[in-house]
Amino acid sequence: MICNIVRIKEEVPSIPSTLHTARAERIEDASIVDKGEFYEVVRNITFSSVSTAAGFVMGRAANGWIEWKNDEGKTLDQVERKNVA
């Protein structure tokens, strides 16, 4: 899965500290660059789960299985989990 833009710069007050720290570290090491309205991802970032990746992008806790969607609007859960027969 590739995400080139972190559209949500703001973090909710209840953001898990691990996500807050990860975002701060990626700004510090220039993996993401402030473009004004959004952050641009300029280096590959590996996450331990799809939910951690979604939370990083959204600035809050998130369930990546339902937040990540393809061009047809299908969730990752619908594409990956429910199609396994």
PDB file of N, CA and C in Angstrom:
ATOM      1  N   MET A   1       0.843  -1.165   0.000  1.00  0.00           N
ATOM      2  CA  MET A   1       0.000   0.000   0.000  1.00  0.00           C
ATOM      3  C   MET A   1       0.893   1.234   0.000  1.00  0.00           C
ATOM      4  N   ILE A   2       0.573   2.183  -0.826  1.00  0.00           N
ATOM      5  CA  ILE A   2       1.376   3.384  -0.945  1.00  0.00           C
ATOM      6  C   ILE A   2       0.498   4.594  -0.666  1.00  0.00           C
ATOM      7  N   CYS A   3       1.004   5.466   0.176  1.00  0.00           N
ATOM      8  CA  CYS A   3       0.329   6.730   0.455  1.00  0.00           C
ATOM      9  C   CYS A   3       1.369   7.827   0.326  1.00  0.00           C
ATOM     10  N   ASN A   4       1.143   8.771  -0.558  1.00  0.00           N
ATOM     11  CA  ASN A   4       2.127   9.811  -0.813  1.00  0.00           C
ATOM     12  C   ASN A   4       1.848  11.105  -0.061  1.00  0.00           C
ATOM     13  N   ILE A   5       0.643  11.235   0.482  1.00  0.00           N
ATOM     14  CA  ILE A   5       0.267  12.481   1.141  1.00  0.00           C
ATOM     15  C   ILE A   5      -0.411  12.172   2.468  1.00  0.00           C
ATOM     16  N   VAL A   6      -0.009  12.892   3.494  1.00  0.00           N
ATOM     17  CA  VAL A   6      -0.719  12.867   4.771  1.00  0.00           C
ATOM     18  C   VAL A   6      -1.572  14.125   4.763  1.00  0.00           C
ATOM     19  N   ARG A   7      -2.835  13.970   4.452  1.00  0.00           N
ATOM     20  CA  ARG A   7      -3.712  15.124   4.264  1.00  0.00           C
ATOM     21  C   ARG A   7      -4.100  15.799   5.578  1.00  0.00           C
ATOM     22  N   ILE A   8      -4.107  15.050   6.641  1.00  0.00           N
ATOM     23  CA  ILE A   8      -4.566  15.599   7.917  1.00  0.00           C
ATOM     24  C   ILE A   8      -3.353  15.941   8.771  1.00  0.00           C
ATOM     25  N   LYS A   9      -3.050  17.217   8.859  1.00  0.00           N
ATOM     26  CA  LYS A   9      -1.897  17.642   9.640  1.00  0.00           C
ATOM     27  C   LYS A   9      -2.223  17.684  11.126  1.00  0.00           C
ATOM     28  N   GLU A  10      -3.447  18.058  11.462  1.00  0.00           N
ATOM     29  CA  GLU A  10      -3.825  18.198  12.853  1.00  0.00           C
ATOM     30  C   GLU A  10      -3.979  16.837  13.513  1.00  0.00           C
ATOM     31  N   GLU A  11      -3.634  16.786  14.772  1.00  0.00           N
ATOM     32  CA  GLU A  11      -3.827  15.579  15.564  1.00  0.00           C
ATOM     33  C   GLU A  11      -4.944  15.848  16.562  1.00  0.00           C
ATOM     34  N   VAL A  12      -5.795  14.853  16.804  1.00  0.00           N
ATOM     35  CA  VAL A  12      -6.819  15.000  17.826  1.00  0.00           C
ATOM     36  C   VAL A  12      -6.143  14.940  19.192  1.00  0.00           C
ATOM     37  N   PRO A  13      -6.728  15.572  20.209  1.00  0.00           N
ATOM     38  CA  PRO A  13      -6.116  15.548  21.535  1.00  0.00           C
ATOM     39  C   PRO A  13      -5.905  14.130  22.088  1.00  0.00           C
ATOM     40  N   SER A  14      -6.734  13.193  21.672  1.00  0.00           N
ATOM     41  CA  SER A  14      -6.647  11.822  22.193  1.00  0.00           C
ATOM     42  C   SER A  14      -5.738  10.914  21.359  1.00  0.00           C
ATOM     43  N   ILE A  15      -4.926  11.493  20.454  1.00  0.00           N
ATOM     44  CA  ILE A  15      -4.053  10.665  19.627  1.00  0.00           C
ATOM     45  C   ILE A  15      -3.143   9.827  20.533  1.00  0.00           C
ATOM     46  N   PRO A  16      -3.005   8.543  20.241  1.00  0.00           N
ATOM     47  CA  PRO A  16      -2.071   7.730  21.022  1.00  0.00           C
ATOM     48  C   PRO A  16      -0.661   8.317  20.952  1.00  0.00           C
ATOM     49  N   SER A  17       0.042   8.278  22.058  1.00  0.00           N
ATOM     50  CA  SER A  17       1.375   8.891  22.111  1.00  0.00           C
ATOM     51  C   SER A  17       2.323   8.266  21.096  1.00  0.00           C
ATOM     52  N   THR A  18       2.148   6.976  20.802  1.00  0.00           N
ATOM     53  CA  THR A  18       3.024   6.331  19.816  1.00  0.00           C
ATOM     54  C   THR A  18       2.846   6.943  18.428  1.00  0.00           C
ATOM     55  N   LEU A  19       1.619   7.284  18.069  1.00  0.00           N
ATOM     56  CA  LEU A  19       1.373   7.921  16.771  1.00  0.00           C
ATOM     57  C   LEU A  19       1.908   9.346  16.758  1.00  0.00           C
ATOM     58  N   HIS A  20       1.696  10.073  17.841  1.00  0.00           N
ATOM     59  CA  HIS A  20       2.205  11.442  17.939  1.00  0.00           C
ATOM     60  C   HIS A  20       3.728  11.434  17.788  1.00  0.00           C
ATOM     61  N   THR A  21       4.379  10.524  18.496  1.00  0.00           N
ATOM     62  CA  THR A  21       5.842  10.423  18.435  1.00  0.00           C
ATOM     63  C   THR A  21       6.307  10.035  17.035  1.00  0.00           C
ATOM     64  N   ALA A  22       5.621   9.077  16.414  1.00  0.00           N
ATOM     65  CA  ALA A  22       5.996   8.646  15.064  1.00  0.00           C
ATOM     66  C   ALA A  22       5.892   9.796  14.074  1.00  0.00           C
ATOM     67  N   ARG A  23       4.827  10.578  14.169  1.00  0.00           N
ATOM     68  CA  ARG A  23       4.677  11.724  13.276  1.00  0.00           C
ATOM     69  C   ARG A  23       5.800  12.739  13.506  1.00  0.00           C
ATOM     70  N   ALA A  24       6.079  13.041  14.763  1.00  0.00           N
ATOM     71  CA  ALA A  24       7.133  14.005  15.088  1.00  0.00           C
ATOM     72  C   ALA A  24       8.493  13.516  14.581  1.00  0.00           C
ATOM     73  N   GLU A  25       8.762  12.236  14.751  1.00  0.00           N
ATOM     74  CA  GLU A  25      10.040  11.679  14.276  1.00  0.00           C
ATOM     75  C   GLU A  25      10.160  11.735  12.761  1.00  0.00           C
ATOM     76  N   ARG A  26       9.068  11.482  12.046  1.00  0.00           N
ATOM     77  CA  ARG A  26       9.110  11.525  10.582  1.00  0.00           C
ATOM     78  C   ARG A  26       9.257  12.949  10.068  1.00  0.00           C
ATOM     79  N   ILE A  27       8.763  13.926  10.800  1.00  0.00           N
ATOM     80  CA  ILE A  27       9.010  15.328  10.436  1.00  0.00           C
ATOM     81  C   ILE A  27      10.478  15.644  10.691  1.00  0.00           C
ATOM     82  N   GLU A  28      10.963  15.230  11.844  1.00  0.00           N
ATOM     83  CA  GLU A  28      12.359  15.498  12.226  1.00  0.00           C
ATOM     84  C   GLU A  28      13.359  14.882  11.253  1.00  0.00           C
ATOM     85  N   ASP A  29      13.103  13.631  10.817  1.00  0.00           N
ATOM     86  CA  ASP A  29      14.065  12.979   9.909  1.00  0.00           C
ATOM     87  C   ASP A  29      13.768  13.261   8.434  1.00  0.00           C
ATOM     88  N   ALA A  30      12.825  14.174   8.183  1.00  0.00           N
ATOM     89  CA  ALA A  30      12.465  14.636   6.839  1.00  0.00           C
ATOM     90  C   ALA A  30      11.856  13.540   5.958  1.00  0.00           C
ATOM     91  N   SER A  31      11.231  12.537   6.581  1.00  0.00           N
ATOM     92  CA  SER A  31      10.489  11.530   5.806  1.00  0.00           C
ATOM     93  C   SER A  31       9.171  12.103   5.303  1.00  0.00           C
ATOM     94  N   ILE A  32       8.632  13.064   6.048  1.00  0.00           N
ATOM     95  CA  ILE A  32       7.461  13.805   5.588  1.00  0.00           C
ATOM     96  C   ILE A  32       7.811  15.287   5.635  1.00  0.00           C
ATOM     97  N   VAL A  33       7.320  16.014   4.648  1.00  0.00           N
ATOM     98  CA  VAL A  33       7.669  17.424   4.489  1.00  0.00           C
ATOM     99  C   VAL A  33       6.392  18.251   4.530  1.00  0.00           C
ATOM    100  N   ASP A  34       6.419  19.327   5.279  1.00  0.00           N
ATOM    101  CA  ASP A  34       5.267  20.216   5.408  1.00  0.00           C
ATOM    102  C   ASP A  34       5.067  20.979   4.107  1.00  0.00           C
ATOM    103  N   LYS A  35       3.898  20.805   3.504  1.00  0.00           N
ATOM    104  CA  LYS A  35       3.561  21.487   2.256  1.00  0.00           C
ATOM    105  C   LYS A  35       2.453  22.522   2.461  1.00  0.00           C
ATOM    106  N   GLY A  36       2.281  22.970   3.690  1.00  0.00           N
ATOM    107  CA  GLY A  36       1.255  23.970   3.975  1.00  0.00           C
ATOM    108  C   GLY A  36      -0.038  23.329   4.428  1.00  0.00           C
ATOM    109  N   GLU A  37      -0.836  22.858   3.478  1.00  0.00           N
ATOM    110  CA  GLU A  37      -2.122  22.251   3.808  1.00  0.00           C
ATOM    111  C   GLU A  37      -2.012  20.769   4.154  1.00  0.00           C
ATOM    112  N   PHE A  38      -0.891  20.151   3.826  1.00  0.00           N
ATOM    113  CA  PHE A  38      -0.718  18.721   4.064  1.00  0.00           C
ATOM    114  C   PHE A  38       0.758  18.405   4.213  1.00  0.00           C
ATOM    115  N   TYR A  39       1.065  17.179   4.618  1.00  0.00           N
ATOM    116  CA  TYR A  39       2.435  16.681   4.624  1.00  0.00           C
ATOM    117  C   TYR A  39       2.614  15.791   3.403  1.00  0.00           C
ATOM    118  N   GLU A  40       3.761  15.912   2.750  1.00  0.00           N
ATOM    119  CA  GLU A  40       4.094  15.020   1.647  1.00  0.00           C
ATOM    120  C   GLU A  40       5.072  13.967   2.149  1.00  0.00           C
ATOM    121  N   VAL A  41       4.781  12.704   1.849  1.00  0.00           N
ATOM    122  CA  VAL A  41       5.673  11.607   2.216  1.00  0.00           C
ATOM    123  C   VAL A  41       6.748  11.519   1.139  1.00  0.00           C
ATOM    124  N   VAL A  42       8.012  11.695   1.534  1.00  0.00           N
ATOM    125  CA  VAL A  42       9.097  11.714   0.557  1.00  0.00           C
ATOM    126  C   VAL A  42      10.049  10.524   0.717  1.00  0.00           C
ATOM    127  N   ARG A  43       9.853   9.715   1.756  1.00  0.00           N
ATOM    128  CA  ARG A  43      10.632   8.495   1.955  1.00  0.00           C
ATOM    129  C   ARG A  43       9.680   7.386   2.363  1.00  0.00           C
ATOM    130  N   ASN A  44      10.053   6.155   2.038  1.00  0.00           N
ATOM    131  CA  ASN A  44       9.232   5.023   2.453  1.00  0.00           C
ATOM    132  C   ASN A  44       9.170   4.948   3.973  1.00  0.00           C
ATOM    133  N   ILE A  45       7.982   4.703   4.486  1.00  0.00           N
ATOM    134  CA  ILE A  45       7.770   4.525   5.921  1.00  0.00           C
ATOM    135  C   ILE A  45       7.083   3.179   6.097  1.00  0.00           C
ATOM    136  N   THR A  46       7.646   2.335   6.933  1.00  0.00           N
ATOM    137  CA  THR A  46       7.076   1.014   7.192  1.00  0.00           C
ATOM    138  C   THR A  46       6.339   1.050   8.521  1.00  0.00           C
ATOM    139  N   PHE A  47       5.146   0.468   8.538  1.00  0.00           N
ATOM    140  CA  PHE A  47       4.336   0.419   9.746  1.00  0.00           C
ATOM    141  C   PHE A  47       4.093  -1.032  10.146  1.00  0.00           C
ATOM    142  N   SER A  48       3.826  -1.242  11.426  1.00  0.00           N
ATOM    143  CA  SER A  48       3.611  -2.591  11.946  1.00  0.00           C
ATOM    144  C   SER A  48       2.234  -3.137  11.609  1.00  0.00           C
ATOM    145  N   SER A  49       1.306  -2.261  11.236  1.00  0.00           N
ATOM    146  CA  SER A  49      -0.044  -2.718  10.897  1.00  0.00           C
ATOM    147  C   SER A  49      -0.727  -1.687   9.998  1.00  0.00           C
ATOM    148  N   VAL A  50      -1.810  -2.117   9.367  1.00  0.00           N
ATOM    149  CA  VAL A  50      -2.577  -1.199   8.517  1.00  0.00           C
ATOM    150  C   VAL A  50      -3.253  -0.130   9.365  1.00  0.00           C
ATOM    151  N   SER A  51      -3.590  -0.462  10.600  1.00  0.00           N
ATOM    152  CA  SER A  51      -4.227   0.512  11.489  1.00  0.00           C
ATOM    153  C   SER A  51      -3.242   1.566  11.961  1.00  0.00           C
ATOM    154  N   THR A  52      -2.011   1.173  12.235  1.00  0.00           N
ATOM    155  CA  THR A  52      -0.985   2.151  12.611  1.00  0.00           C
ATOM    156  C   THR A  52      -0.742   3.112  11.457  1.00  0.00           C
ATOM    157  N   ALA A  53      -0.682   2.595  10.250  1.00  0.00           N
ATOM    158  CA  ALA A  53      -0.495   3.451   9.075  1.00  0.00           C
ATOM    159  C   ALA A  53      -1.663   4.418   8.916  1.00  0.00           C
ATOM    160  N   ALA A  54      -2.877   3.936   9.076  1.00  0.00           N
ATOM    161  CA  ALA A  54      -4.055   4.801   8.964  1.00  0.00           C
ATOM    162  C   ALA A  54      -4.040   5.875  10.051  1.00  0.00           C
ATOM    163  N   GLY A  55      -3.710   5.494  11.272  1.00  0.00           N
ATOM    164  CA  GLY A  55      -3.643   6.456  12.366  1.00  0.00           C
ATOM    165  C   GLY A  55      -2.590   7.525  12.128  1.00  0.00           C
ATOM    166  N   PHE A  56      -1.462   7.120  11.571  1.00  0.00           N
ATOM    167  CA  PHE A  56      -0.390   8.059  11.237  1.00  0.00           C
ATOM    168  C   PHE A  56      -0.893   9.092  10.237  1.00  0.00           C
ATOM    169  N   VAL A  57      -1.583   8.636   9.217  1.00  0.00           N
ATOM    170  CA  VAL A  57      -2.095   9.528   8.172  1.00  0.00           C
ATOM    171  C   VAL A  57      -3.209  10.432   8.705  1.00  0.00           C
ATOM    172  N   MET A  58      -4.067   9.884   9.571  1.00  0.00           N
ATOM    173  CA  MET A  58      -5.249  10.608  10.009  1.00  0.00           C
ATOM    174  C   MET A  58      -5.049  11.447  11.271  1.00  0.00           C
ATOM    175  N   GLY A  59      -3.962  11.214  11.995  1.00  0.00           N
ATOM    176  CA  GLY A  59      -3.713  11.985  13.203  1.00  0.00           C
ATOM    177  C   GLY A  59      -4.590  11.582  14.365  1.00  0.00           C
ATOM    178  N   ARG A  60      -5.013  10.322  14.357  1.00  0.00           N
ATOM    179  CA  ARG A  60      -5.877   9.802  15.429  1.00  0.00           C
ATOM    180  C   ARG A  60      -5.851   8.284  15.370  1.00  0.00           C
ATOM    181  N   ALA A  61      -6.363   7.641  16.389  1.00  0.00           N
ATOM    182  CA  ALA A  61      -6.509   6.191  16.339  1.00  0.00           C
ATOM    183  C   ALA A  61      -7.441   5.844  15.186  1.00  0.00           C
ATOM    184  N   ALA A  62      -7.139   4.767  14.480  1.00  0.00           N
ATOM    185  CA  ALA A  62      -7.944   4.407  13.314  1.00  0.00           C
ATOM    186  C   ALA A  62      -7.895   2.909  13.077  1.00  0.00           C
ATOM    187  N   ASN A  63      -8.963   2.381  12.501  1.00  0.00           N
ATOM    188  CA  ASN A  63      -9.016   0.991  12.082  1.00  0.00           C
ATOM    189  C   ASN A  63      -8.687   0.963  10.591  1.00  0.00           C
ATOM    190  N   GLY A  64      -7.467   0.577  10.282  1.00  0.00           N
ATOM    191  CA  GLY A  64      -7.012   0.581   8.895  1.00  0.00           C
ATOM    192  C   GLY A  64      -7.802  -0.321   7.979  1.00  0.00           C
ATOM    193  N   TRP A  65      -8.394  -1.379   8.522  1.00  0.00           N
ATOM    194  CA  TRP A  65      -9.172  -2.304   7.687  1.00  0.00           C
ATOM    195  C   TRP A  65     -10.418  -1.652   7.112  1.00  0.00           C
ATOM    196  N   ILE A  66     -10.912  -0.590   7.769  1.00  0.00           N
ATOM    197  CA  ILE A  66     -12.088   0.096   7.225  1.00  0.00           C
ATOM    198  C   ILE A  66     -11.773   1.494   6.699  1.00  0.00           C
ATOM    199  N   GLU A  67     -10.644   2.077   7.124  1.00  0.00           N
ATOM    200  CA  GLU A  67     -10.276   3.427   6.663  1.00  0.00           C
ATOM    201  C   GLU A  67      -9.644   3.415   5.278  1.00  0.00           C
ATOM    202  N   TRP A  68      -8.798   2.417   4.985  1.00  0.00           N
ATOM    203  CA  TRP A  68      -8.155   2.343   3.671  1.00  0.00           C
ATOM    204  C   TRP A  68      -9.166   1.845   2.647  1.00  0.00           C
ATOM    205  N   LYS A  69      -9.306   2.589   1.550  1.00  0.00           N
ATOM    206  CA  LYS A  69     -10.260   2.225   0.494  1.00  0.00           C
ATOM    207  C   LYS A  69      -9.582   2.325  -0.857  1.00  0.00           C
ATOM    208  N   ASN A  70     -10.033   1.462  -1.765  1.00  0.00           N
ATOM    209  CA  ASN A  70      -9.491   1.524  -3.127  1.00  0.00           C
ATOM    210  C   ASN A  70     -10.285   2.538  -3.952  1.00  0.00           C
ATOM    211  N   ASP A  71      -9.963   2.648  -5.225  1.00  0.00           N
ATOM    212  CA  ASP A  71     -10.621   3.617  -6.105  1.00  0.00           C
ATOM    213  C   ASP A  71     -12.116   3.360  -6.260  1.00  0.00           C
ATOM    214  N   GLU A  72     -12.548   2.139  -5.978  1.00  0.00           N
ATOM    215  CA  GLU A  72     -13.973   1.791  -6.089  1.00  0.00           C
ATOM    216  C   GLU A  72     -14.712   1.990  -4.778  1.00  0.00           C
ATOM    217  N   GLY A  73     -13.999   2.459  -3.746  1.00  0.00           N
ATOM    218  CA  GLY A  73     -14.627   2.698  -2.452  1.00  0.00           C
ATOM    219  C   GLY A  73     -14.703   1.474  -1.561  1.00  0.00           C
ATOM    220  N   LYS A  74     -14.090   0.370  -1.989  1.00  0.00           N
ATOM    221  CA  LYS A  74     -14.093  -0.844  -1.179  1.00  0.00           C
ATOM    222  C   LYS A  74     -13.000  -0.750  -0.121  1.00  0.00           C
ATOM    223  N   THR A  75     -13.349  -1.162   1.095  1.00  0.00           N
ATOM    224  CA  THR A  75     -12.375  -1.118   2.175  1.00  0.00           C
ATOM    225  C   THR A  75     -11.340  -2.224   2.012  1.00  0.00           C
ATOM    226  N   LEU A  76     -10.231  -2.071   2.693  1.00  0.00           N
ATOM    227  CA  LEU A  76      -9.201  -3.106   2.693  1.00  0.00           C
ATOM    228  C   LEU A  76      -9.782  -4.413   3.216  1.00  0.00           C
ATOM    229  N   ASP A  77     -10.657  -4.320   4.206  1.00  0.00           N
ATOM    230  CA  ASP A  77     -11.325  -5.508   4.738  1.00  0.00           C
ATOM    231  C   ASP A  77     -12.120  -6.220   3.646  1.00  0.00           C
ATOM    232  N   GLN A  78     -12.870  -5.469   2.864  1.00  0.00           N
ATOM    233  CA  GLN A  78     -13.669  -6.064   1.793  1.00  0.00           C
ATOM    234  C   GLN A  78     -12.785  -6.692   0.722  1.00  0.00           C
ATOM    235  N   VAL A  79     -11.701  -6.055   0.406  1.00  0.00           N
ATOM    236  CA  VAL A  79     -10.831  -6.534  -0.666  1.00  0.00           C
ATOM    237  C   VAL A  79      -9.973  -7.700  -0.212  1.00  0.00           C
ATOM    238  N   GLU A  80      -9.370  -7.619   0.959  1.00  0.00           N
ATOM    239  CA  GLU A  80      -8.400  -8.619   1.394  1.00  0.00           C
ATOM    240  C   GLU A  80      -9.005  -9.737   2.240  1.00  0.00           C
ATOM    241  N   ARG A  81      -9.797  -9.423   3.215  1.00  0.00           N
ATOM    242  CA  ARG A  81     -10.295 -10.435   4.147  1.00  0.00           C
ATOM    243  C   ARG A  81     -11.516 -11.182   3.619  1.00  0.00           C
ATOM    244  N   LYS A  82     -12.466 -10.458   3.085  1.00  0.00           N
ATOM    245  CA  LYS A  82     -13.729 -11.081   2.700  1.00  0.00           C
ATOM    246  C   LYS A  82     -13.663 -11.801   1.366  1.00  0.00           C
ATOM    247  N   ASN A  83     -12.617 -11.536   0.579  1.00  0.00           N
ATOM    248  CA  ASN A  83     -12.459 -12.228  -0.687  1.00  0.00           C
ATOM    249  C   ASN A  83     -11.666 -13.517  -0.543  1.00  0.00           C
ATOM    250  N   VAL A  84     -11.188 -13.792   0.669  1.00  0.00           N
ATOM    251  CA  VAL A  84     -10.453 -15.038   0.921  1.00  0.00           C
ATOM    252  C   VAL A  84     -11.490 -16.115   1.164  1.00  0.00           C
ATOM    253  N   ALA A  85     -11.504 -17.098   0.290  1.00  0.00           N
ATOM    254  CA  ALA A  85     -12.518 -18.150   0.437  1.00  0.00           C
ATOM    255  C   ALA A  85     -11.877 -19.510   0.575  1.00  0.00           C
TER     256      ALA A  85
END
